[in-house]
Amino acid sequence: MSSVTERMAKCEVCKTEMHEGRTVVLSVPGIPYSARFCHSCRRSGAIPYWMLVANTNAIGGYDQSADWWRGVIDITLNHLGITMEQFLKEVEDDGDLS
């Protein structure tokens, strides 16, 4: 019987829990933040959804986003199976402090 405890980690994009060695910590494009990615999410170019919503809100919304950021939005929504309609609503709601 092994006394080694396997450490688990969760991908910050897809929320899948896996062995820590199967994840990698990388910086998120355009944001001063590092996140834990599984290899599938890293290869896709998707970023953590909460970060996508918050940063898009801080930019002033989708219409104010640079083309490269819109690419990150499209990749992330496609990878996570989230509709643009749902995303835009959450971006709008994120700025509602009432």
Protein backbone atom coordinates (compact mmCIF):
# COMPACT_ATOMS: atom_id res chain seq x y z
CA MET A 1 0.00 0.00 0.00
CA SER A 2 1.34 3.39 -1.01
CA SER A 3 1.54 6.22 1.50
CA VAL A 4 1.84 8.84 -1.26
CA THR A 5 -1.10 11.23 -1.31
CA GLU A 6 -2.04 12.35 -4.81
CA ARG A 7 -2.80 16.05 -4.93
CA MET A 8 -5.79 17.12 -6.95
CA ALA A 9 -6.31 20.40 -8.79
CA LYS A 10 -9.19 21.93 -10.69
CA CYS A 11 -8.96 23.54 -14.13
CA GLU A 12 -10.18 27.12 -13.77
CA VAL A 13 -11.77 27.02 -17.23
CA CYS A 14 -13.77 23.77 -17.40
CA LYS A 15 -13.76 23.06 -13.63
CA THR A 16 -12.63 19.46 -14.17
CA GLU A 17 -10.77 18.06 -11.18
CA MET A 18 -7.67 16.04 -12.01
CA HIS A 19 -4.26 15.10 -10.71
CA GLU A 20 -2.22 18.24 -10.13
CA GLY A 21 0.43 17.10 -12.61
CA ARG A 22 -2.13 17.16 -15.41
CA THR A 23 -2.64 20.92 -15.10
CA VAL A 24 -0.44 23.89 -15.90
CA VAL A 25 -0.48 27.45 -14.55
CA LEU A 26 -0.22 30.13 -17.24
CA SER A 27 -0.85 33.82 -17.58
CA VAL A 28 -4.19 34.85 -19.07
CA PRO A 29 -3.88 36.93 -22.28
CA GLY A 30 -4.38 40.65 -21.70
CA ILE A 31 -5.03 40.29 -17.96
CA PRO A 32 -2.48 40.40 -15.13
CA TYR A 33 -3.59 37.04 -13.72
CA SER A 34 -2.38 33.46 -13.87
CA ALA A 35 -4.83 30.56 -13.91
CA ARG A 36 -4.68 26.77 -13.75
CA PHE A 37 -5.53 25.10 -17.07
CA CYS A 38 -6.00 21.48 -18.06
CA HIS A 39 -4.24 20.60 -21.30
CA SER A 40 -7.48 20.60 -23.32
CA CYS A 41 -8.43 24.10 -22.22
CA ARG A 42 -4.88 25.36 -22.71
CA ARG A 43 -4.83 24.05 -26.27
CA SER A 44 -8.23 25.59 -27.03
CA GLY A 45 -7.19 29.10 -25.98
CA ALA A 46 -10.21 29.45 -23.66
CA ILE A 47 -9.88 31.42 -20.41
CA PRO A 48 -11.80 31.25 -17.10
CA TYR A 49 -15.37 32.37 -17.75
CA TRP A 50 -15.67 34.66 -14.73
CA MET A 51 -12.59 36.50 -15.95
CA LEU A 52 -14.01 36.81 -19.47
CA VAL A 53 -17.22 38.35 -18.10
CA ALA A 54 -15.47 40.72 -15.66
CA ASN A 55 -12.88 41.95 -18.14
CA THR A 56 -15.43 42.47 -20.91
CA ASN A 57 -17.54 44.48 -18.48
CA ALA A 58 -14.49 46.55 -17.47
CA ILE A 59 -13.74 47.24 -21.13
CA GLY A 60 -17.23 48.69 -21.51
CA GLY A 61 -18.91 45.70 -23.11
CA TYR A 62 -18.50 43.55 -26.18
CA ASP A 63 -18.92 46.46 -28.60
CA GLN A 64 -15.96 48.26 -27.02
CA SER A 65 -13.72 45.17 -27.17
CA ALA A 66 -10.67 44.96 -29.42
CA ASP A 67 -10.76 42.40 -32.21
CA TRP A 68 -8.22 40.15 -30.47
CA TRP A 69 -10.38 40.15 -27.28
CA ARG A 70 -13.45 39.23 -29.34
CA GLY A 71 -11.44 36.25 -30.56
CA VAL A 72 -10.80 35.18 -26.95
CA ILE A 73 -14.53 35.59 -26.24
CA ASP A 74 -15.51 33.45 -29.24
CA ILE A 75 -12.99 30.72 -28.40
CA THR A 76 -14.04 30.57 -24.74
CA LEU A 77 -17.79 30.55 -25.42
CA ASN A 78 -17.38 27.86 -28.07
CA HIS A 79 -15.18 25.71 -25.81
CA LEU A 80 -17.58 25.97 -22.86
CA GLY A 81 -20.80 25.73 -24.89
CA ILE A 82 -22.11 29.10 -23.69
CA THR A 83 -24.26 31.23 -25.99
CA MET A 84 -23.35 34.80 -26.89
CA GLU A 85 -26.78 35.87 -25.61
CA GLN A 86 -26.10 34.39 -22.16
CA PHE A 87 -22.61 35.90 -22.10
CA LEU A 88 -23.80 39.41 -23.01
CA LYS A 89 -26.49 39.25 -20.31
CA GLU A 90 -23.91 38.25 -17.71
CA VAL A 91 -21.56 41.03 -18.83
CA GLU A 92 -24.41 43.52 -18.43
CA ASP A 93 -25.43 42.06 -15.05
CA ASP A 94 -21.82 42.12 -13.81
CA GLY A 95 -21.82 45.91 -14.02
CA ASP A 96 -25.12 46.27 -12.19
CA LEU A 97 -24.18 47.19 -8.64
CA SER A 98 -27.76 47.79 -7.47
